[in-house]
Amino acid sequence: MNKPAVLIIIVSLFAVLFLPVTLSGQEIQDPEAEYSRIRSMAFEGKLDSAAIAGRKLVNSFPSYGDARILLGRILAWKKDYKNASAVVDTLLMTEPGNSEALSLKRDIVQWSKENRSESTGLRAGYLFDSFREPYSRFWQVFNAGVEHRFNWGLLAGGVNIGDANIGAPNTDHATEWQAEVEAYPKFSAKNYAYLEYAYSPGKYFPTHRAAAEFWQVLPAGWGVSAGMNFYYFDRIADSLNDKRNIYIAHASVEKYVGRYWISLKGYLHFKESSDTTSGYNVKKETLSGYLNIRRYFNDVNYLQLGLGAGTAPDEPYNIWTSRYSAYSARLTYNVSLSKKLIMRVGTGYSYEEYQENTWRNRLDGNINFVYAIKMK
């Protein structure tokens, strides 16, 4: 073989073996511009191409955290939850307090639950609420139901059995039922809602209860929500001569900070005028605010502290009690007891002004379970 032929072969081998590596290393000149291009590609629904380009960007710039988060989100949208979680975990090893990464990790865990075979669950729970002034009242509710996760979100239904023990002077004991259905529809990865309706023929449960709330996920771990609750009491109105059409508007702002979730929520309570013969003299419009701080120990287990002040109530079962003002504190613990069983237990204390310049102590507690059933 002559020298020119040998030289050509050597140059060709060099080009094949080394030149592509050199070119690939120089392929991405502007990582920020490439990030924007990949994000636009993903939003257009070109997830396969976006995932390939995202991996190339991450491999070229391993310390580019935003690129890892983008790749993890794209893989999650592709329902490749295992690799999506691995991408995020790699970032959290060097940036354990990255709020965007922690928020995405929680999303991946939730989305993977919604899409796995264990998409049907059984619910059961119990709560109580009590006070002793100006009369004694012990109100307890037992509940049971079922939930199922569809592609569009969660749908659940169940029955609540309430038992009210009222002391003198309005002594009463009543056991009644309430049927309810609720849904958490997802509109996109950044928008979801809560819808609820309940009916009861009793007098301590509202005859009709309806609720709607919409959430918007914002960048950097932020989120906002707004909604409205409606309660209509028919039979309690007959007994107390007090028409009870109650509207409660609410709005919140939320933020993930490391392993903490912080929420500030306000309630505006609209209510019809009370009949003075009923003995209930309640303001037409009242306000309240609640601060909740949640500490995550992993993707499921958390401890939450809630602090509130104002008049507008934030719970659905005790809406028919009246108060001028209140200060409250609640503690809630959510824990996974096994792969299929989750428990949430909580307790609360309120210091309420039930008459002008007259206060009472009020205690409540609850425990709830969700057991997942494997679908075949």
Protein backbone atom coordinates (compact mmCIF):
# COMPACT_ATOMS: atom_id res chain seq x y z
CA MET A 1 0.00 0.00 0.00
CA ASN A 2 1.43 3.37 -0.95
CA LYS A 3 1.93 6.23 1.45
CA PRO A 4 -0.98 8.45 0.20
CA ALA A 5 -3.44 5.59 0.73
CA VAL A 6 -2.15 4.97 4.26
CA LEU A 7 -2.42 8.68 5.04
CA ILE A 8 -6.02 8.81 3.81
CA ILE A 9 -6.95 5.84 5.99
CA ILE A 10 -5.35 7.39 9.09
CA VAL A 11 -7.11 10.73 8.55
CA SER A 12 -10.43 8.97 8.01
CA LEU A 13 -10.07 6.94 11.20
CA PHE A 14 -9.15 10.07 13.14
CA ALA A 15 -12.22 11.87 11.81
CA VAL A 16 -14.53 8.99 12.68
CA LEU A 17 -13.14 8.38 16.17
CA PHE A 18 -12.39 11.87 17.43
CA LEU A 19 -14.11 14.52 15.37
CA PRO A 20 -17.71 13.67 16.42
CA VAL A 21 -16.71 13.88 20.06
CA THR A 22 -15.19 17.27 19.54
CA LEU A 23 -18.17 18.53 17.60
CA SER A 24 -20.70 17.17 20.10
CA GLY A 25 -18.86 18.92 22.92
CA GLN A 26 -19.12 22.18 20.98
CA GLU A 27 -22.67 21.60 19.80
CA ILE A 28 -24.36 23.66 22.55
CA GLN A 29 -22.84 27.12 22.55
CA ASP A 30 -25.57 28.90 24.57
CA PRO A 31 -27.13 26.73 27.33
CA GLU A 32 -29.75 29.36 28.19
CA ALA A 33 -30.96 29.54 24.59
CA GLU A 34 -31.00 25.74 24.38
CA TYR A 35 -32.98 25.56 27.63
CA SER A 36 -35.62 27.92 26.18
CA ARG A 37 -35.76 25.92 22.97
CA ILE A 38 -36.26 22.63 24.84
CA ARG A 39 -38.93 24.14 27.08
CA SER A 40 -40.84 25.48 24.08
CA MET A 41 -40.53 22.09 22.41
CA ALA A 42 -41.97 20.38 25.51
CA PHE A 43 -44.88 22.82 25.79
CA GLU A 44 -45.69 22.10 22.15
CA GLY A 45 -46.06 18.43 23.04
CA LYS A 46 -42.85 17.21 21.39
CA LEU A 47 -41.83 15.30 24.51
CA ASP A 48 -39.63 12.65 22.87
CA SER A 49 -37.48 15.22 21.07
CA ALA A 50 -37.43 17.46 24.15
CA ALA A 51 -36.25 14.55 26.33
CA ILE A 52 -33.37 13.74 23.95
CA ALA A 53 -32.31 17.38 23.77
CA GLY A 54 -32.70 17.75 27.54
CA ARG A 55 -30.39 14.82 28.25
CA LYS A 56 -27.79 16.28 25.88
CA LEU A 57 -28.02 19.64 27.67
CA VAL A 58 -27.64 18.03 31.11
CA ASN A 59 -24.70 15.90 29.95
CA SER A 60 -22.99 18.95 28.48
CA PHE A 61 -23.63 21.13 31.55
CA PRO A 62 -23.99 18.80 34.58
CA SER A 63 -24.17 21.67 37.09
CA TYR A 64 -27.04 23.43 35.26
CA GLY A 65 -29.77 22.77 37.86
CA ASP A 66 -32.63 24.30 35.89
CA ALA A 67 -31.83 21.97 32.99
CA ARG A 68 -32.09 18.95 35.31
CA ILE A 69 -35.43 20.15 36.63
CA LEU A 70 -36.71 20.69 33.09
CA LEU A 71 -35.55 17.21 32.04
CA GLY A 72 -37.12 15.66 35.12
CA ARG A 73 -40.43 17.38 34.37
CA ILE A 74 -40.36 16.28 30.73
CA LEU A 75 -39.69 12.67 31.72
CA ALA A 76 -42.51 12.85 34.27
CA TRP A 77 -44.88 14.16 31.58
CA LYS A 78 -43.82 11.12 29.55
CA LYS A 79 -44.77 9.01 32.60
CA ASP A 80 -41.17 7.82 32.94
CA TYR A 81 -41.34 8.41 36.68
CA LYS A 82 -38.35 6.24 37.62
CA ASN A 83 -35.87 8.17 35.46
CA ALA A 84 -37.55 11.49 36.26
CA SER A 85 -37.05 10.85 39.96
CA ALA A 86 -33.42 9.81 39.38
CA VAL A 87 -32.69 13.07 37.53
CA VAL A 88 -34.15 15.14 40.38
CA ASP A 89 -32.42 13.07 43.08
CA THR A 90 -29.06 13.77 41.41
CA LEU A 91 -29.70 17.50 41.75
CA LEU A 92 -30.89 17.17 45.36
CA MET A 93 -27.62 15.44 46.29
CA THR A 94 -25.77 18.70 45.66
CA GLU A 95 -28.66 21.12 46.33
CA PRO A 96 -30.81 19.52 49.07
CA GLY A 97 -32.70 22.76 49.68
CA ASN A 98 -33.63 23.44 46.05
CA SER A 99 -37.35 24.30 46.36
CA GLU A 100 -38.07 23.73 42.65
CA ALA A 101 -36.50 20.27 42.78
CA LEU A 102 -38.34 19.35 45.99
CA SER A 103 -41.63 20.54 44.54
CA LEU A 104 -41.05 18.53 41.36
CA LYS A 105 -40.14 15.45 43.40
CA ARG A 106 -43.46 15.68 45.22
CA ASP A 107 -45.26 16.08 41.89
CA ILE A 108 -43.51 13.00 40.49
CA VAL A 109 -44.49 10.94 43.52
CA GLN A 110 -48.11 12.10 43.26
CA TRP A 111 -48.33 11.56 39.49
CA SER A 112 -46.80 8.10 39.80
CA LYS A 113 -49.44 7.19 42.39
CA GLU A 114 -52.19 8.45 40.12
CA ASN A 115 -50.98 6.31 37.22
CA ARG A 116 -50.08 3.07 38.95
CA SER A 117 -52.40 0.09 39.24
CA GLU A 118 -53.24 0.84 42.88
CA SER A 119 -55.65 3.57 41.84
CA THR A 120 -58.65 2.62 43.97
CA GLY A 121 -58.78 3.15 47.72
CA LEU A 122 -61.07 2.76 50.72
CA ARG A 123 -61.59 5.63 53.15
CA ALA A 124 -62.62 5.62 56.81
CA GLY A 125 -62.42 8.25 59.52
CA TYR A 126 -63.76 9.85 62.68
CA LEU A 127 -63.90 13.38 64.09
CA PHE A 128 -65.31 15.10 67.14
CA ASP A 129 -65.93 18.68 68.20
CA SER A 130 -67.02 19.83 71.67
CA PHE A 131 -67.59 22.80 73.97
CA ARG A 132 -69.43 23.44 77.27
CA GLU A 133 -70.55 27.09 77.10
CA PRO A 134 -73.26 28.41 76.99
CA TYR A 135 -74.49 24.80 76.80
CA SER A 136 -72.69 21.50 76.33
CA ARG A 137 -72.33 20.08 72.86
CA PHE A 138 -70.55 16.95 71.68
CA TRP A 139 -70.64 16.48 67.91
CA GLN A 140 -69.02 13.47 66.26
CA VAL A 141 -68.91 12.20 62.69
CA PHE A 142 -68.01 8.75 61.38
CA ASN A 143 -67.28 8.50 57.68
CA ALA A 144 -66.58 5.78 55.11
CA GLY A 145 -66.19 5.83 51.36
CA VAL A 146 -64.25 4.88 48.26
CA GLU A 147 -61.97 6.78 45.87
CA HIS A 148 -60.67 6.11 42.37
CA ARG A 149 -57.99 7.84 40.35
CA PHE A 150 -58.79 8.40 36.69
CA ASN A 151 -56.54 9.96 34.05
CA TRP A 152 -58.25 13.29 34.67
CA GLY A 153 -57.96 13.18 38.47
CA LEU A 154 -59.45 11.77 41.68
CA LEU A 155 -63.14 11.00 42.27
CA ALA A 156 -64.44 9.98 45.70
CA GLY A 157 -67.77 9.35 47.36
CA GLY A 158 -68.95 8.34 50.78
CA VAL A 159 -71.37 8.62 53.67
CA ASN A 160 -70.99 10.57 56.92
CA ILE A 161 -72.88 9.55 60.07
CA GLY A 162 -73.21 12.43 62.51
CA ASP A 163 -74.23 12.24 66.16
CA ALA A 164 -75.12 15.43 68.06
CA ASN A 165 -75.56 15.58 71.84
CA ILE A 166 -76.87 18.98 72.91
CA GLY A 167 -77.24 19.90 76.59
CA ALA A 168 -79.75 22.16 78.36
CA PRO A 169 -81.52 24.44 77.72
CA ASN A 170 -81.89 23.13 74.12
CA THR A 171 -81.45 19.47 75.00
CA ASP A 172 -81.35 17.30 71.93
CA HIS A 173 -79.83 14.08 70.67
CA ALA A 174 -79.84 13.37 66.94
CA THR A 175 -78.13 10.86 64.68
CA GLU A 176 -78.26 11.63 60.97
CA TRP A 177 -76.51 10.89 57.70
CA GLN A 178 -74.95 12.86 54.88
CA ALA A 179 -73.92 11.66 51.41
CA GLU A 180 -71.11 13.43 49.61
CA VAL A 181 -69.09 13.26 46.40
CA GLU A 182 -65.86 15.12 45.66
CA ALA A 183 -63.42 15.39 42.78
CA TYR A 184 -59.93 16.73 42.13
CA PRO A 185 -59.83 17.32 38.35
CA LYS A 186 -56.49 18.12 36.72
CA PHE A 187 -56.50 20.56 33.82
CA SER A 188 -52.73 20.58 33.28
CA ALA A 189 -49.52 20.08 35.22
CA LYS A 190 -50.03 23.55 36.69
CA ASN A 191 -53.81 23.75 37.16
CA TYR A 192 -56.15 21.64 39.22
CA ALA A 193 -59.36 22.06 41.19
CA TYR A 194 -61.49 20.71 44.02
CA LEU A 195 -65.25 20.20 43.60
CA GLU A 196 -67.63 18.88 46.25
CA TYR A 197 -71.35 18.39 46.86
CA ALA A 198 -73.15 16.88 49.85
CA TYR A 199 -76.78 16.32 50.83
CA SER A 200 -78.44 15.44 54.13
CA PRO A 201 -82.06 15.21 55.31
CA GLY A 202 -80.94 15.97 58.86
CA LYS A 203 -80.93 19.27 60.74
CA TYR A 204 -77.34 19.47 61.97
CA PHE A 205 -75.73 18.60 58.66
CA PRO A 206 -76.53 21.24 56.03
CA THR A 207 -79.27 20.20 53.62
CA HIS A 208 -77.00 21.16 50.75
CA ARG A 209 -73.28 21.77 50.82
CA ALA A 210 -71.20 22.70 47.78
CA ALA A 211 -67.60 23.78 47.37
CA ALA A 212 -65.25 24.70 44.55
CA GLU A 213 -61.59 25.74 44.62
CA PHE A 214 -59.09 26.30 41.82
CA TRP A 215 -55.27 26.14 42.15
CA GLN A 216 -52.63 27.68 39.94
CA VAL A 217 -49.03 26.49 40.28
CA LEU A 218 -46.49 29.30 39.81
CA PRO A 219 -42.71 29.25 39.30
CA ALA A 220 -40.20 28.94 42.14
CA GLY A 221 -42.45 26.80 44.33
CA TRP A 222 -45.30 29.34 44.58
CA GLY A 223 -49.00 28.65 44.17
CA VAL A 224 -52.33 30.46 44.57
CA SER A 225 -55.93 29.34 44.95
CA ALA A 226 -59.43 30.81 45.17
CA GLY A 227 -62.81 29.28 45.85
CA MET A 228 -66.27 29.43 47.39
CA ASN A 229 -68.19 27.27 49.90
CA PHE A 230 -71.99 27.24 50.12
CA TYR A 231 -74.19 25.85 52.91
CA TYR A 232 -77.97 25.76 52.99
CA PHE A 233 -79.75 24.73 56.19
CA ASP A 234 -83.43 23.97 55.78
CA ARG A 235 -84.48 21.97 58.84
CA ILE A 236 -82.27 23.77 61.35
CA ALA A 237 -83.85 26.99 60.08
CA ASP A 238 -87.28 25.67 61.06
CA SER A 239 -86.09 24.82 64.57
CA LEU A 240 -84.20 28.05 65.23
CA ASN A 241 -86.23 30.50 63.12
CA ASP A 242 -82.93 31.43 61.53
CA LYS A 243 -82.46 31.24 57.78
CA ARG A 244 -79.08 29.81 57.01
CA ASN A 245 -77.83 30.50 53.50
CA ILE A 246 -74.10 30.76 54.10
CA TYR A 247 -71.45 31.72 51.55
CA ILE A 248 -67.76 31.65 52.40
CA ALA A 249 -65.23 32.90 49.86
CA HIS A 250 -61.57 32.07 50.34
CA ALA A 251 -58.19 32.61 48.72
CA SER A 252 -54.69 31.45 49.52
CA VAL A 253 -51.05 31.86 48.60
CA GLU A 254 -48.64 28.93 49.04
CA LYS A 255 -44.90 28.44 48.91
CA TYR A 256 -42.51 25.48 49.09
CA VAL A 257 -39.29 26.32 50.92
CA GLY A 258 -36.97 23.34 51.06
CA ARG A 259 -38.86 20.62 52.91
CA TYR A 260 -41.44 23.11 54.20
CA TRP A 261 -44.81 24.06 52.73
CA ILE A 262 -46.28 27.36 53.92
CA SER A 263 -49.83 28.51 53.22
CA LEU A 264 -51.66 31.70 54.13
CA LYS A 265 -55.41 31.48 53.56
CA GLY A 266 -58.16 34.03 54.13
CA TYR A 267 -61.93 33.47 54.49
CA LEU A 268 -64.74 35.97 53.91
CA HIS A 269 -68.05 34.85 55.43
CA PHE A 270 -71.34 36.10 53.93
CA LYS A 271 -74.54 35.26 55.77
CA GLU A 272 -78.20 36.25 55.82
CA SER A 273 -79.42 38.40 58.70
CA SER A 274 -80.42 36.47 61.79
CA ASP A 275 -83.90 36.62 63.26
CA THR A 276 -83.58 38.29 66.66
CA THR A 277 -86.03 35.79 68.16
CA SER A 278 -83.51 33.02 67.54
CA GLY A 279 -81.00 34.44 69.98
CA TYR A 280 -78.27 34.44 67.34
CA ASN A 281 -76.80 37.85 66.67
CA VAL A 282 -74.08 37.25 64.09
CA LYS A 283 -72.40 39.75 61.81
CA LYS A 284 -73.34 39.59 58.14
CA GLU A 285 -69.76 39.61 56.90
CA THR A 286 -66.79 38.31 58.83
CA LEU A 287 -63.14 37.60 58.08
CA SER A 288 -60.55 35.13 59.26
CA GLY A 289 -57.02 34.11 58.33
CA TYR A 290 -55.13 30.84 58.73
CA LEU A 291 -51.41 30.16 58.56
CA ASN A 292 -50.33 26.56 57.92
CA ILE A 293 -46.76 25.32 58.06
CA ARG A 294 -46.00 21.78 56.98
CA ARG A 295 -42.69 19.95 57.45
CA TYR A 296 -42.12 17.02 55.08
CA PHE A 297 -40.01 14.14 56.35
CA ASN A 298 -40.28 12.32 53.03
CA ASP A 299 -42.66 12.41 50.08
CA VAL A 300 -45.66 11.28 52.18
CA ASN A 301 -44.99 11.83 55.90
CA TYR A 302 -45.40 15.33 57.24
CA LEU A 303 -46.25 17.30 60.39
CA GLN A 304 -48.45 20.40 60.02
CA LEU A 305 -49.15 23.29 62.40
CA GLY A 306 -52.11 25.57 61.74
CA LEU A 307 -52.83 28.91 63.42
CA GLY A 308 -55.99 30.94 62.83
CA ALA A 309 -57.74 34.13 63.93
CA GLY A 310 -61.07 35.69 63.04
CA THR A 311 -64.73 34.73 62.79
CA ALA A 312 -65.26 32.99 59.45
CA PRO A 313 -65.03 29.20 59.94
CA ASP A 314 -62.73 26.99 57.89
CA GLU A 315 -64.40 23.61 58.54
CA PRO A 316 -67.60 22.19 57.02
CA TYR A 317 -69.16 20.23 59.88
CA ASN A 318 -69.65 22.92 62.51
CA ILE A 319 -70.83 25.79 60.39
CA TRP A 320 -74.09 26.15 62.33
CA THR A 321 -72.45 27.31 65.58
CA SER A 322 -72.14 31.07 66.04
CA ARG A 323 -69.21 33.13 67.22
CA TYR A 324 -67.98 36.72 67.28
CA SER A 325 -64.28 35.93 67.15
CA ALA A 326 -61.86 33.05 67.65
CA TYR A 327 -58.22 32.07 67.93
CA SER A 328 -57.29 28.52 67.01
CA ALA A 329 -54.36 26.12 66.74
CA ARG A 330 -54.28 22.71 65.06
CA LEU A 331 -51.66 20.00 64.75
CA THR A 332 -51.85 17.31 62.05
CA TYR A 333 -49.62 14.33 61.32
CA ASN A 334 -49.78 12.39 58.05
CA VAL A 335 -47.89 9.08 57.95
CA SER A 336 -47.60 6.05 55.70
CA LEU A 337 -48.13 2.99 57.90
CA SER A 338 -47.42 0.62 55.03
CA LYS A 339 -47.16 0.65 51.26
CA LYS A 340 -50.95 0.70 50.99
CA LEU A 341 -52.14 2.33 54.22
CA ILE A 342 -51.93 6.04 55.06
CA MET A 343 -53.12 7.60 58.31
CA ARG A 344 -53.78 11.24 59.12
CA VAL A 345 -54.44 12.24 62.74
CA GLY A 346 -55.00 15.69 64.17
CA THR A 347 -56.22 17.74 67.12
CA GLY A 348 -57.22 21.35 67.60
CA TYR A 349 -58.05 23.97 70.19
CA SER A 350 -60.08 27.16 69.76
CA TYR A 351 -60.71 30.06 72.11
CA GLU A 352 -64.01 31.52 70.94
CA GLU A 353 -66.05 34.61 71.70
CA TYR A 354 -69.53 33.06 71.39
CA GLN A 355 -71.25 36.11 72.91
CA GLU A 356 -69.99 39.65 73.14
CA ASN A 357 -67.08 39.67 75.63
CA THR A 358 -67.87 36.07 76.63
CA TRP A 359 -65.44 33.32 75.64
CA ARG A 360 -65.32 29.53 75.68
CA ASN A 361 -62.86 26.70 75.08
CA ARG A 362 -63.48 24.36 72.16
CA LEU A 363 -61.70 21.08 71.38
CA ASP A 364 -61.69 18.93 68.26
CA GLY A 365 -59.87 15.90 66.92
CA ASN A 366 -59.86 13.58 63.93
CA ILE A 367 -58.31 10.43 62.52
CA ASN A 368 -58.55 9.23 58.91
CA PHE A 369 -57.29 6.25 56.94
CA VAL A 370 -56.89 5.53 53.23
CA TYR A 371 -56.20 1.97 52.12
CA ALA A 372 -55.13 1.36 48.51
CA ILE A 373 -56.54 -1.60 46.60
CA LYS A 374 -54.53 -3.11 43.76
CA MET A 375 -56.43 -3.16 40.46
CA LYS A 376 -56.13 -6.10 38.06
